[in-house]
Amino acid sequence: MQLTQQQAARLASGCEQLGLRLTDAQQHTLRAYLENLLKWNRAYNLTAIRDPDEMVIKHLLDSLSIVPHIQGQNILDVGTGPGLPGIPAAICDPHRHWTLIDSNGKKTRFLVQMKAELKLDNLSVIKGRIEAVPASQRYDTITSRAFASLESFVGVCLPLLEEGGELLAMKGLVPHGEIEALQSPGLEIRIETLNVPYLHEERHLIVVKRTHTG
């Protein structure tokens, strides 16, 4: 199914509010991704959100809200599901390379199809668990929307981080208890408020940086 003119206009306006200057081709690719997600979701249940109006806000604009916080060239998106935030970010940020990892075969098949269909040359897809990624593979930024616990996200992903790199955990309300559990002299933690256009819910980014490798 195609997005309505109103949905496409809301997406374009939201991107502008986020400070993203996208070409017509990038806007078209974002819409094509969401239209494919809507189509595949009917058969494969890739995401619990099914309403296109909600998907524009809670999937696309929510994912794109972290683009200004990304650093470095080599980015890993852990537990990416149907490609969130990885695919929208990769579309809008073609000069960085995004690696998307998920253990669900239906979801990674969708990701591989989107890479080919949308011609996303700056994208790689891994089917598997993050624990299986060799520690020799390092990333400048590692993102996740899906990890239940901040502590497990940091525990598993910290060894894959380049010196000076950052872990970005996307959360709703600030998880004060989880942040408390992470306190360590070797970690610097900061909280960024994400202002997602048209979303009337709190969104935060928990940024974790290793201050020394010890």
N, C-alpha and C. Protein backbone atom coordinates (compact mmCIF):
# COMPACT_ATOMS: atom_id res chain seq x y z
N MET A 1 0.83 -1.20 0.00
CA MET A 1 0.00 0.00 0.00
C MET A 1 0.87 1.25 0.00
N GLN A 2 0.36 2.31 -0.60
CA GLN A 2 1.12 3.55 -0.67
C GLN A 2 0.73 4.48 0.47
N LEU A 3 1.71 5.28 0.92
CA LEU A 3 1.40 6.29 1.91
C LEU A 3 0.52 7.37 1.28
N THR A 4 -0.35 7.95 2.08
CA THR A 4 -1.18 9.05 1.59
C THR A 4 -0.32 10.31 1.47
N GLN A 5 -0.85 11.29 0.76
CA GLN A 5 -0.14 12.57 0.64
C GLN A 5 0.08 13.19 2.03
N GLN A 6 -0.93 13.03 2.88
CA GLN A 6 -0.83 13.61 4.23
C GLN A 6 0.29 12.93 5.03
N GLN A 7 0.39 11.60 4.92
CA GLN A 7 1.45 10.88 5.63
C GLN A 7 2.83 11.26 5.09
N ALA A 8 2.93 11.37 3.77
CA ALA A 8 4.21 11.77 3.15
C ALA A 8 4.59 13.19 3.58
N ALA A 9 3.60 14.09 3.67
CA ALA A 9 3.86 15.47 4.07
C ALA A 9 4.30 15.52 5.53
N ARG A 10 3.69 14.69 6.37
CA ARG A 10 4.06 14.65 7.79
C ARG A 10 5.50 14.14 7.95
N LEU A 11 5.85 13.15 7.16
CA LEU A 11 7.22 12.63 7.19
C LEU A 11 8.21 13.71 6.78
N ALA A 12 7.92 14.42 5.69
CA ALA A 12 8.82 15.47 5.21
C ALA A 12 8.96 16.59 6.24
N SER A 13 7.82 16.98 6.83
CA SER A 13 7.83 18.04 7.83
C SER A 13 8.61 17.60 9.07
N GLY A 14 8.41 16.34 9.49
CA GLY A 14 9.12 15.82 10.66
C GLY A 14 10.62 15.80 10.44
N CYS A 15 11.06 15.40 9.25
CA CYS A 15 12.49 15.39 8.93
C CYS A 15 13.07 16.79 9.02
N GLU A 16 12.30 17.78 8.52
CA GLU A 16 12.74 19.17 8.60
C GLU A 16 12.89 19.61 10.05
N GLN A 17 11.91 19.25 10.87
CA GLN A 17 11.96 19.63 12.29
C GLN A 17 13.16 19.00 12.99
N LEU A 18 13.61 17.84 12.51
CA LEU A 18 14.78 17.18 13.09
C LEU A 18 16.09 17.76 12.54
N GLY A 19 15.98 18.72 11.62
CA GLY A 19 17.18 19.33 11.05
C GLY A 19 17.83 18.50 9.96
N LEU A 20 17.07 17.55 9.39
CA LEU A 20 17.61 16.69 8.35
C LEU A 20 17.23 17.28 6.98
N ARG A 21 18.22 17.58 6.19
CA ARG A 21 17.96 18.13 4.85
C ARG A 21 18.05 16.99 3.85
N LEU A 22 16.93 16.42 3.53
CA LEU A 22 16.90 15.24 2.68
C LEU A 22 16.53 15.60 1.25
N THR A 23 17.12 14.86 0.32
CA THR A 23 16.77 15.04 -1.08
C THR A 23 15.40 14.39 -1.36
N ASP A 24 14.82 14.71 -2.50
CA ASP A 24 13.57 14.07 -2.90
C ASP A 24 13.76 12.55 -3.00
N ALA A 25 14.94 12.14 -3.48
CA ALA A 25 15.22 10.71 -3.62
C ALA A 25 15.25 10.03 -2.25
N GLN A 26 15.84 10.68 -1.25
CA GLN A 26 15.87 10.10 0.11
C GLN A 26 14.46 10.01 0.69
N GLN A 27 13.66 11.04 0.49
CA GLN A 27 12.27 11.01 0.96
C GLN A 27 11.52 9.85 0.29
N HIS A 28 11.74 9.69 -1.00
CA HIS A 28 11.08 8.62 -1.74
C HIS A 28 11.50 7.25 -1.19
N THR A 29 12.79 7.09 -0.88
CA THR A 29 13.30 5.82 -0.37
C THR A 29 12.73 5.52 1.02
N LEU A 30 12.62 6.55 1.86
CA LEU A 30 12.00 6.37 3.18
C LEU A 30 10.56 5.88 3.04
N ARG A 31 9.83 6.51 2.13
CA ARG A 31 8.42 6.11 1.93
C ARG A 31 8.35 4.68 1.39
N ALA A 32 9.25 4.35 0.46
CA ALA A 32 9.26 2.99 -0.12
C ALA A 32 9.56 1.95 0.95
N TYR A 33 10.48 2.27 1.86
CA TYR A 33 10.79 1.35 2.97
C TYR A 33 9.54 1.11 3.82
N LEU A 34 8.84 2.19 4.18
CA LEU A 34 7.68 2.04 5.05
C LEU A 34 6.55 1.30 4.33
N GLU A 35 6.38 1.57 3.05
CA GLU A 35 5.34 0.87 2.28
C GLU A 35 5.64 -0.63 2.21
N ASN A 36 6.92 -0.97 2.04
CA ASN A 36 7.31 -2.38 2.05
C ASN A 36 7.09 -3.01 3.42
N LEU A 37 7.40 -2.26 4.47
CA LEU A 37 7.20 -2.78 5.82
C LEU A 37 5.71 -3.06 6.07
N LEU A 38 4.86 -2.16 5.62
CA LEU A 38 3.41 -2.36 5.75
C LEU A 38 2.98 -3.64 5.02
N LYS A 39 3.50 -3.83 3.81
CA LYS A 39 3.12 -4.98 3.00
C LYS A 39 3.62 -6.30 3.62
N TRP A 40 4.89 -6.32 4.00
CA TRP A 40 5.47 -7.54 4.59
C TRP A 40 4.85 -7.85 5.95
N ASN A 41 4.45 -6.80 6.67
CA ASN A 41 3.93 -6.98 8.02
C ASN A 41 2.63 -7.79 8.02
N ARG A 42 1.88 -7.70 6.94
CA ARG A 42 0.63 -8.46 6.86
C ARG A 42 0.90 -9.96 6.93
N ALA A 43 1.97 -10.39 6.28
CA ALA A 43 2.26 -11.82 6.21
C ALA A 43 3.21 -12.30 7.31
N TYR A 44 4.14 -11.44 7.72
CA TYR A 44 5.23 -11.92 8.59
C TYR A 44 5.25 -11.31 9.98
N ASN A 45 4.34 -10.39 10.27
CA ASN A 45 4.25 -9.83 11.62
C ASN A 45 5.61 -9.31 12.12
N LEU A 46 6.17 -8.37 11.37
CA LEU A 46 7.51 -7.84 11.68
C LEU A 46 7.48 -6.79 12.78
N THR A 47 6.32 -6.15 12.97
CA THR A 47 6.22 -5.11 13.99
C THR A 47 4.78 -5.08 14.52
N ALA A 48 4.66 -4.76 15.79
CA ALA A 48 3.33 -4.72 16.42
C ALA A 48 2.53 -3.49 15.97
N ILE A 49 3.23 -2.43 15.55
CA ILE A 49 2.53 -1.22 15.08
C ILE A 49 2.12 -1.44 13.63
N ARG A 50 0.83 -1.28 13.35
CA ARG A 50 0.32 -1.57 12.00
C ARG A 50 -0.30 -0.36 11.32
N ASP A 51 -0.57 0.67 12.08
CA ASP A 51 -1.22 1.86 11.53
C ASP A 51 -0.17 2.75 10.84
N PRO A 52 -0.34 3.07 9.55
CA PRO A 52 0.67 3.85 8.83
C PRO A 52 0.95 5.21 9.46
N ASP A 53 -0.09 5.88 10.00
CA ASP A 53 0.14 7.18 10.66
C ASP A 53 1.10 7.01 11.83
N GLU A 54 0.85 5.98 12.62
CA GLU A 54 1.73 5.72 13.78
C GLU A 54 3.12 5.31 13.34
N MET A 55 3.20 4.53 12.26
CA MET A 55 4.50 4.06 11.78
C MET A 55 5.39 5.22 11.33
N VAL A 56 4.78 6.22 10.68
CA VAL A 56 5.56 7.39 10.26
C VAL A 56 6.24 8.02 11.47
N ILE A 57 5.49 8.14 12.56
CA ILE A 57 6.02 8.81 13.76
C ILE A 57 6.88 7.87 14.60
N LYS A 58 6.32 6.70 14.95
CA LYS A 58 6.97 5.84 15.94
C LYS A 58 8.07 4.96 15.35
N HIS A 59 8.11 4.82 14.04
CA HIS A 59 9.19 4.06 13.41
C HIS A 59 10.16 4.99 12.69
N LEU A 60 9.67 5.76 11.71
CA LEU A 60 10.59 6.57 10.91
C LEU A 60 11.15 7.76 11.68
N LEU A 61 10.27 8.65 12.16
CA LEU A 61 10.76 9.86 12.82
C LEU A 61 11.48 9.53 14.13
N ASP A 62 10.99 8.54 14.85
CA ASP A 62 11.66 8.10 16.08
C ASP A 62 13.08 7.64 15.76
N SER A 63 13.24 6.82 14.72
CA SER A 63 14.56 6.33 14.33
C SER A 63 15.47 7.48 13.90
N LEU A 64 14.92 8.41 13.13
CA LEU A 64 15.73 9.50 12.59
C LEU A 64 16.15 10.50 13.66
N SER A 65 15.46 10.50 14.80
CA SER A 65 15.80 11.46 15.86
C SER A 65 17.21 11.23 16.42
N ILE A 66 17.78 10.03 16.19
CA ILE A 66 19.12 9.78 16.75
C ILE A 66 20.24 10.13 15.76
N VAL A 67 19.89 10.43 14.50
CA VAL A 67 20.93 10.67 13.48
C VAL A 67 21.93 11.76 13.91
N PRO A 68 21.49 12.88 14.51
CA PRO A 68 22.46 13.90 14.92
C PRO A 68 23.42 13.42 16.03
N HIS A 69 23.11 12.32 16.68
CA HIS A 69 23.95 11.83 17.78
C HIS A 69 24.93 10.73 17.34
N ILE A 70 24.87 10.35 16.07
CA ILE A 70 25.75 9.29 15.57
C ILE A 70 27.13 9.86 15.31
N GLN A 71 28.17 9.10 15.67
CA GLN A 71 29.53 9.54 15.36
C GLN A 71 30.30 8.39 14.70
N GLY A 72 31.33 8.77 13.96
CA GLY A 72 32.18 7.77 13.30
C GLY A 72 31.56 7.27 12.00
N GLN A 73 32.22 6.30 11.41
CA GLN A 73 31.83 5.81 10.08
C GLN A 73 31.19 4.42 10.11
N ASN A 74 31.51 3.63 11.13
CA ASN A 74 31.12 2.22 11.15
C ASN A 74 30.12 2.00 12.29
N ILE A 75 28.86 1.79 11.93
CA ILE A 75 27.78 1.78 12.93
C ILE A 75 27.15 0.39 12.98
N LEU A 76 26.84 -0.07 14.18
CA LEU A 76 26.15 -1.35 14.37
C LEU A 76 24.80 -1.10 15.03
N ASP A 77 23.75 -1.70 14.46
CA ASP A 77 22.41 -1.60 15.05
C ASP A 77 22.02 -2.99 15.54
N VAL A 78 21.92 -3.14 16.86
CA VAL A 78 21.73 -4.44 17.50
C VAL A 78 20.25 -4.72 17.74
N GLY A 79 19.80 -5.94 17.40
CA GLY A 79 18.39 -6.27 17.58
C GLY A 79 17.53 -5.36 16.73
N THR A 80 17.94 -5.17 15.50
CA THR A 80 17.36 -4.17 14.61
C THR A 80 15.91 -4.47 14.21
N GLY A 81 15.47 -5.75 14.37
CA GLY A 81 14.10 -6.10 13.97
C GLY A 81 13.93 -5.87 12.48
N PRO A 82 12.91 -5.09 12.08
CA PRO A 82 12.71 -4.82 10.66
C PRO A 82 13.58 -3.66 10.14
N GLY A 83 14.65 -3.33 10.91
CA GLY A 83 15.56 -2.29 10.45
C GLY A 83 15.41 -0.95 11.14
N LEU A 84 15.12 -0.97 12.44
CA LEU A 84 14.89 0.26 13.19
C LEU A 84 15.86 0.38 14.36
N PRO A 85 16.65 1.42 14.42
CA PRO A 85 16.65 2.62 13.57
C PRO A 85 17.52 2.52 12.31
N GLY A 86 18.14 1.35 12.07
CA GLY A 86 19.20 1.25 11.08
C GLY A 86 18.85 1.67 9.66
N ILE A 87 17.72 1.17 9.12
CA ILE A 87 17.43 1.47 7.71
C ILE A 87 17.08 2.95 7.51
N PRO A 88 16.16 3.55 8.28
CA PRO A 88 15.91 4.98 8.07
C PRO A 88 17.19 5.82 8.22
N ALA A 89 18.01 5.48 9.22
CA ALA A 89 19.25 6.24 9.43
C ALA A 89 20.21 6.07 8.26
N ALA A 90 20.32 4.83 7.74
CA ALA A 90 21.22 4.58 6.61
C ALA A 90 20.76 5.32 5.35
N ILE A 91 19.44 5.43 5.17
CA ILE A 91 18.90 6.15 4.01
C ILE A 91 19.28 7.63 4.10
N CYS A 92 19.20 8.18 5.32
CA CYS A 92 19.43 9.62 5.50
C CYS A 92 20.90 9.97 5.69
N ASP A 93 21.73 8.97 5.89
CA ASP A 93 23.14 9.19 6.23
C ASP A 93 24.01 8.27 5.37
N PRO A 94 24.02 8.50 4.05
CA PRO A 94 24.64 7.54 3.13
C PRO A 94 26.16 7.43 3.24
N HIS A 95 26.79 8.36 3.95
CA HIS A 95 28.25 8.34 4.03
C HIS A 95 28.77 7.46 5.17
N ARG A 96 27.87 6.94 5.99
CA ARG A 96 28.28 6.00 7.04
C ARG A 96 27.87 4.59 6.65
N HIS A 97 28.60 3.61 7.17
CA HIS A 97 28.21 2.22 6.91
C HIS A 97 27.48 1.65 8.13
N TRP A 98 26.31 1.10 7.86
CA TRP A 98 25.49 0.52 8.93
C TRP A 98 25.47 -1.00 8.81
N THR A 99 25.73 -1.69 9.92
CA THR A 99 25.57 -3.14 9.99
C THR A 99 24.38 -3.42 10.89
N LEU A 100 23.41 -4.18 10.36
CA LEU A 100 22.18 -4.49 11.10
C LEU A 100 22.20 -5.95 11.50
N ILE A 101 22.00 -6.25 12.77
CA ILE A 101 22.03 -7.63 13.24
C ILE A 101 20.73 -7.98 13.96
N ASP A 102 20.20 -9.16 13.65
CA ASP A 102 19.01 -9.67 14.32
C ASP A 102 19.03 -11.19 14.19
N SER A 103 18.49 -11.87 15.20
CA SER A 103 18.52 -13.34 15.17
C SER A 103 17.28 -13.94 14.50
N ASN A 104 16.30 -13.08 14.17
CA ASN A 104 15.04 -13.56 13.59
C ASN A 104 15.15 -13.65 12.06
N GLY A 105 14.99 -14.85 11.53
CA GLY A 105 15.16 -15.08 10.10
C GLY A 105 14.19 -14.32 9.22
N LYS A 106 12.92 -14.21 9.66
CA LYS A 106 11.93 -13.46 8.86
C LYS A 106 12.35 -12.00 8.74
N LYS A 107 12.85 -11.46 9.84
CA LYS A 107 13.24 -10.05 9.84
C LYS A 107 14.49 -9.81 9.01
N THR A 108 15.47 -10.71 9.11
CA THR A 108 16.69 -10.51 8.32
C THR A 108 16.42 -10.72 6.83
N ARG A 109 15.49 -11.60 6.48
CA ARG A 109 15.12 -11.75 5.06
C ARG A 109 14.53 -10.44 4.52
N PHE A 110 13.70 -9.81 5.34
CA PHE A 110 13.15 -8.51 4.96
C PHE A 110 14.27 -7.49 4.78
N LEU A 111 15.24 -7.48 5.70
CA LEU A 111 16.36 -6.53 5.63
C LEU A 111 17.18 -6.72 4.36
N VAL A 112 17.47 -7.99 4.03
CA VAL A 112 18.24 -8.29 2.82
C VAL A 112 17.48 -7.83 1.58
N GLN A 113 16.16 -8.05 1.58
CA GLN A 113 15.33 -7.61 0.46
C GLN A 113 15.34 -6.09 0.34
N MET A 114 15.26 -5.38 1.47
CA MET A 114 15.27 -3.91 1.45
C MET A 114 16.62 -3.37 0.98
N LYS A 115 17.70 -4.00 1.40
CA LYS A 115 19.05 -3.59 0.95
C LYS A 115 19.11 -3.63 -0.58
N ALA A 116 18.60 -4.73 -1.16
CA ALA A 116 18.64 -4.90 -2.61
C ALA A 116 17.67 -3.95 -3.31
N GLU A 117 16.43 -3.93 -2.84
CA GLU A 117 15.38 -3.18 -3.53
C GLU A 117 15.59 -1.68 -3.45
N LEU A 118 16.06 -1.21 -2.30
CA LEU A 118 16.25 0.23 -2.10
C LEU A 118 17.67 0.68 -2.45
N LYS A 119 18.50 -0.29 -2.90
CA LYS A 119 19.89 0.00 -3.32
C LYS A 119 20.69 0.68 -2.19
N LEU A 120 20.63 0.06 -1.01
CA LEU A 120 21.33 0.60 0.15
C LEU A 120 22.73 -0.02 0.23
N ASP A 121 23.66 0.57 -0.51
CA ASP A 121 25.02 0.01 -0.57
C ASP A 121 25.79 0.22 0.73
N ASN A 122 25.30 1.11 1.59
CA ASN A 122 25.99 1.38 2.86
C ASN A 122 25.42 0.54 4.00
N LEU A 123 24.87 -0.62 3.64
CA LEU A 123 24.18 -1.47 4.63
C LEU A 123 24.68 -2.91 4.53
N SER A 124 24.91 -3.53 5.70
CA SER A 124 25.20 -4.97 5.76
C SER A 124 24.20 -5.59 6.73
N VAL A 125 23.85 -6.85 6.49
CA VAL A 125 22.88 -7.54 7.34
C VAL A 125 23.54 -8.81 7.89
N ILE A 126 23.41 -9.02 9.20
CA ILE A 126 23.90 -10.24 9.84
C ILE A 126 22.72 -10.93 10.51
N LYS A 127 22.52 -12.22 10.21
CA LYS A 127 21.52 -13.00 10.93
C LYS A 127 22.26 -13.73 12.05
N GLY A 128 21.91 -13.45 13.28
CA GLY A 128 22.57 -14.11 14.40
C GLY A 128 22.44 -13.29 15.67
N ARG A 129 23.07 -13.78 16.71
CA ARG A 129 23.04 -13.11 18.00
C ARG A 129 24.27 -12.23 18.14
N ILE A 130 24.12 -11.13 18.85
CA ILE A 130 25.23 -10.20 19.02
C ILE A 130 26.42 -10.88 19.70
N GLU A 131 26.12 -11.86 20.56
CA GLU A 131 27.21 -12.56 21.28
C GLU A 131 28.14 -13.30 20.33
N ALA A 132 27.65 -13.58 19.10
CA ALA A 132 28.46 -14.34 18.14
C ALA A 132 29.38 -13.44 17.30
N VAL A 133 29.23 -12.12 17.41
CA VAL A 133 30.09 -11.22 16.63
C VAL A 133 31.49 -11.23 17.26
N PRO A 134 32.54 -11.50 16.48
CA PRO A 134 33.89 -11.60 17.06
C PRO A 134 34.35 -10.26 17.63
N ALA A 135 35.08 -10.32 18.75
CA ALA A 135 35.53 -9.09 19.42
C ALA A 135 36.53 -8.32 18.56
N SER A 136 37.07 -8.97 17.53
CA SER A 136 38.01 -8.28 16.63
C SER A 136 37.28 -7.27 15.74
N GLN A 137 35.94 -7.41 15.66
CA GLN A 137 35.13 -6.50 14.85
C GLN A 137 34.73 -5.31 15.72
N ARG A 138 35.15 -4.11 15.34
CA ARG A 138 34.87 -2.94 16.18
C ARG A 138 34.03 -1.90 15.45
N TYR A 139 33.24 -1.17 16.23
CA TYR A 139 32.33 -0.18 15.66
C TYR A 139 32.49 1.16 16.38
N ASP A 140 32.24 2.26 15.66
CA ASP A 140 32.36 3.60 16.24
C ASP A 140 31.14 3.95 17.10
N THR A 141 29.97 3.51 16.66
CA THR A 141 28.73 3.73 17.42
C THR A 141 27.90 2.45 17.33
N ILE A 142 27.31 2.06 18.45
CA ILE A 142 26.41 0.89 18.48
C ILE A 142 25.06 1.35 19.02
N THR A 143 24.01 1.10 18.25
CA THR A 143 22.68 1.56 18.63
C THR A 143 21.75 0.38 18.94
N SER A 144 20.71 0.65 19.72
CA SER A 144 19.67 -0.35 19.93
C SER A 144 18.39 0.29 20.42
N ARG A 145 17.26 -0.19 19.87
CA ARG A 145 15.95 0.17 20.41
C ARG A 145 15.35 -1.00 21.18
N ALA A 146 15.97 -2.17 21.06
CA ALA A 146 15.27 -3.40 21.44
C ALA A 146 15.77 -4.08 22.71
N PHE A 147 16.94 -3.70 23.22
CA PHE A 147 17.45 -4.39 24.40
C PHE A 147 16.58 -4.08 25.61
N ALA A 148 16.13 -5.12 26.29
CA ALA A 148 15.27 -4.92 27.46
C ALA A 148 16.04 -4.22 28.57
N SER A 149 17.29 -4.63 28.76
CA SER A 149 18.07 -4.11 29.88
C SER A 149 19.30 -3.36 29.38
N LEU A 150 19.48 -2.15 29.91
CA LEU A 150 20.66 -1.35 29.58
C LEU A 150 21.94 -2.09 29.98
N GLU A 151 21.87 -2.76 31.12
CA GLU A 151 23.05 -3.47 31.63
C GLU A 151 23.49 -4.58 30.66
N SER A 152 22.52 -5.35 30.13
CA SER A 152 22.92 -6.41 29.20
C SER A 152 23.40 -5.83 27.87
N PHE A 153 22.78 -4.73 27.41
CA PHE A 153 23.23 -4.07 26.17
C PHE A 153 24.69 -3.65 26.31
N VAL A 154 25.01 -2.99 27.41
CA VAL A 154 26.38 -2.51 27.63
C VAL A 154 27.33 -3.69 27.80
N GLY A 155 26.91 -4.70 28.56
CA GLY A 155 27.76 -5.85 28.82
C GLY A 155 28.17 -6.57 27.55
N VAL A 156 27.22 -6.73 26.64
CA VAL A 156 27.49 -7.49 25.41
C VAL A 156 28.20 -6.64 24.36
N CYS A 157 27.86 -5.34 24.30
CA CYS A 157 28.34 -4.51 23.18
C CYS A 157 29.62 -3.73 23.46
N LEU A 158 29.92 -3.49 24.73
CA LEU A 158 31.12 -2.70 25.06
C LEU A 158 32.39 -3.27 24.43
N PRO A 159 32.58 -4.60 24.42
CA PRO A 159 33.81 -5.15 23.82
C PRO A 159 33.92 -4.90 22.31
N LEU A 160 32.80 -4.54 21.65
CA LEU A 160 32.82 -4.33 20.20
C LEU A 160 33.00 -2.86 19.84
N LEU A 161 33.21 -2.02 20.86
CA LEU A 161 33.27 -0.58 20.63
C LEU A 161 34.71 -0.13 20.39
N GLU A 162 34.88 0.71 19.35
CA GLU A 162 36.18 1.32 19.11
C GLU A 162 36.55 2.23 20.28
N GLU A 163 37.84 2.47 20.45
CA GLU A 163 38.30 3.44 21.45
C GLU A 163 37.61 4.77 21.19
N GLY A 164 36.98 5.33 22.22
CA GLY A 164 36.29 6.62 22.07
C GLY A 164 34.90 6.50 21.47
N GLY A 165 34.45 5.26 21.17
CA GLY A 165 33.13 5.06 20.59
C GLY A 165 32.02 5.18 21.64
N GLU A 166 30.77 5.15 21.16
CA GLU A 166 29.62 5.32 22.07
C GLU A 166 28.55 4.28 21.81
N LEU A 167 27.91 3.85 22.90
CA LEU A 167 26.72 3.02 22.83
C LEU A 167 25.51 3.94 22.98
N LEU A 168 24.52 3.78 22.10
CA LEU A 168 23.31 4.62 22.14
C LEU A 168 22.10 3.71 22.36
N ALA A 169 21.52 3.79 23.54
CA ALA A 169 20.33 2.99 23.85
C ALA A 169 19.10 3.89 23.80
N MET A 170 18.15 3.56 22.92
CA MET A 170 16.94 4.35 22.78
C MET A 170 15.91 3.87 23.81
N LYS A 171 15.41 4.80 24.59
CA LYS A 171 14.46 4.47 25.66
C LYS A 171 13.30 5.46 25.65
N GLY A 172 12.22 5.10 26.35
CA GLY A 172 11.11 6.01 26.56
C GLY A 172 11.43 6.90 27.75
N LEU A 173 10.89 6.54 28.90
CA LEU A 173 11.23 7.24 30.14
C LEU A 173 12.68 6.94 30.52
N VAL A 174 13.31 7.84 31.25
CA VAL A 174 14.69 7.60 31.68
C VAL A 174 14.71 6.42 32.66
N PRO A 175 15.47 5.35 32.35
CA PRO A 175 15.50 4.18 33.24
C PRO A 175 16.53 4.38 34.37
N HIS A 176 16.14 5.18 35.38
CA HIS A 176 17.09 5.57 36.43
C HIS A 176 17.72 4.36 37.12
N GLY A 177 16.90 3.33 37.40
CA GLY A 177 17.43 2.14 38.07
C GLY A 177 18.49 1.44 37.23
N GLU A 178 18.24 1.33 35.92
CA GLU A 178 19.21 0.67 35.04
C GLU A 178 20.50 1.47 34.95
N ILE A 179 20.37 2.80 34.96
CA ILE A 179 21.57 3.65 34.90
C ILE A 179 22.37 3.52 36.19
N GLU A 180 21.66 3.48 37.32
CA GLU A 180 22.34 3.28 38.61
C GLU A 180 23.16 1.99 38.62
N ALA A 181 22.57 0.93 38.06
CA ALA A 181 23.24 -0.38 38.04
C ALA A 181 24.50 -0.35 37.19
N LEU A 182 24.62 0.63 36.31
CA LEU A 182 25.76 0.70 35.40
C LEU A 182 26.92 1.53 35.93
N GLN A 183 26.69 2.27 37.02
CA GLN A 183 27.70 3.21 37.49
C GLN A 183 29.04 2.50 37.68
N SER A 184 30.06 3.05 37.03
CA SER A 184 31.39 2.45 37.09
C SER A 184 32.40 3.53 36.75
N PRO A 185 33.58 3.51 37.39
CA PRO A 185 34.58 4.54 37.11
C PRO A 185 35.02 4.53 35.65
N GLY A 186 34.84 3.38 34.96
CA GLY A 186 35.30 3.29 33.58
C GLY A 186 34.29 3.72 32.55
N LEU A 187 33.08 4.14 32.99
CA LEU A 187 32.03 4.49 32.05
C LEU A 187 31.55 5.92 32.27
N GLU A 188 31.33 6.61 31.17
CA GLU A 188 30.72 7.95 31.24
C GLU A 188 29.32 7.82 30.64
N ILE A 189 28.32 8.21 31.40
CA ILE A 189 26.92 8.05 30.96
C ILE A 189 26.24 9.42 30.90
N ARG A 190 25.58 9.69 29.79
CA ARG A 190 24.81 10.93 29.73
C ARG A 190 23.44 10.62 29.12
N ILE A 191 22.50 11.51 29.40
CA ILE A 191 21.12 11.32 28.94
C ILE A 191 20.78 12.46 27.99
N GLU A 192 20.35 12.12 26.78
CA GLU A 192 19.92 13.12 25.81
C GLU A 192 18.40 13.00 25.63
N THR A 193 17.70 14.12 25.66
CA THR A 193 16.27 14.11 25.38
C THR A 193 16.07 14.12 23.87
N LEU A 194 15.27 13.19 23.37
CA LEU A 194 14.95 13.15 21.95
C LEU A 194 13.59 13.80 21.72
N ASN A 195 13.56 14.78 20.85
CA ASN A 195 12.29 15.43 20.53
C ASN A 195 11.80 14.88 19.20
N VAL A 196 10.93 13.89 19.26
CA VAL A 196 10.41 13.25 18.05
C VAL A 196 9.18 14.01 17.60
N PRO A 197 9.21 14.59 16.40
CA PRO A 197 8.04 15.35 15.93
C PRO A 197 6.75 14.52 15.96
N TYR A 198 5.69 15.16 16.45
CA TYR A 198 4.33 14.59 16.50
C TYR A 198 4.17 13.46 17.52
N LEU A 199 5.21 13.15 18.28
CA LEU A 199 5.09 12.08 19.28
C LEU A 199 4.83 12.69 20.65
N HIS A 200 3.71 12.29 21.27
CA HIS A 200 3.36 12.86 22.57
C HIS A 200 3.75 11.90 23.69
N GLU A 201 4.96 11.40 23.59
CA GLU A 201 5.52 10.51 24.62
C GLU A 201 6.98 10.91 24.82
N GLU A 202 7.49 10.62 26.00
CA GLU A 202 8.90 10.92 26.26
C GLU A 202 9.80 9.93 25.54
N ARG A 203 10.89 10.44 24.98
CA ARG A 203 11.91 9.59 24.37
C ARG A 203 13.28 10.11 24.81
N HIS A 204 14.14 9.18 25.18
CA HIS A 204 15.48 9.55 25.63
C HIS A 204 16.53 8.64 25.00
N LEU A 205 17.71 9.18 24.90
CA LEU A 205 18.85 8.42 24.42
C LEU A 205 19.85 8.31 25.57
N ILE A 206 20.18 7.09 25.96
CA ILE A 206 21.19 6.87 26.98
C ILE A 206 22.51 6.62 26.27
N VAL A 207 23.46 7.52 26.47
CA VAL A 207 24.75 7.44 25.77
C VAL A 207 25.81 6.94 26.76
N VAL A 208 26.45 5.86 26.40
CA VAL A 208 27.47 5.24 27.27
C VAL A 208 28.80 5.25 26.54
N LYS A 209 29.80 5.81 27.20
CA LYS A 209 31.14 5.90 26.59
C LYS A 209 32.15 5.33 27.58
N ARG A 210 33.07 4.56 27.06
CA ARG A 210 34.13 4.01 27.92
C ARG A 210 35.22 5.07 28.06
N THR A 211 35.54 5.42 29.31
CA THR A 211 36.54 6.49 29.51
C THR A 211 37.96 5.93 29.48
N HIS A 212 38.10 4.65 29.79
CA HIS A 212 39.42 4.00 29.61
C HIS A 212 39.17 2.51 29.43
N THR A 213 40.12 1.86 28.80
CA THR A 213 39.94 0.42 28.52
C THR A 213 40.47 -0.44 29.65
N GLY A 214 41.29 0.13 30.49
CA GLY A 214 41.71 -0.59 31.69
C GLY A 214 42.36 -1.89 31.39
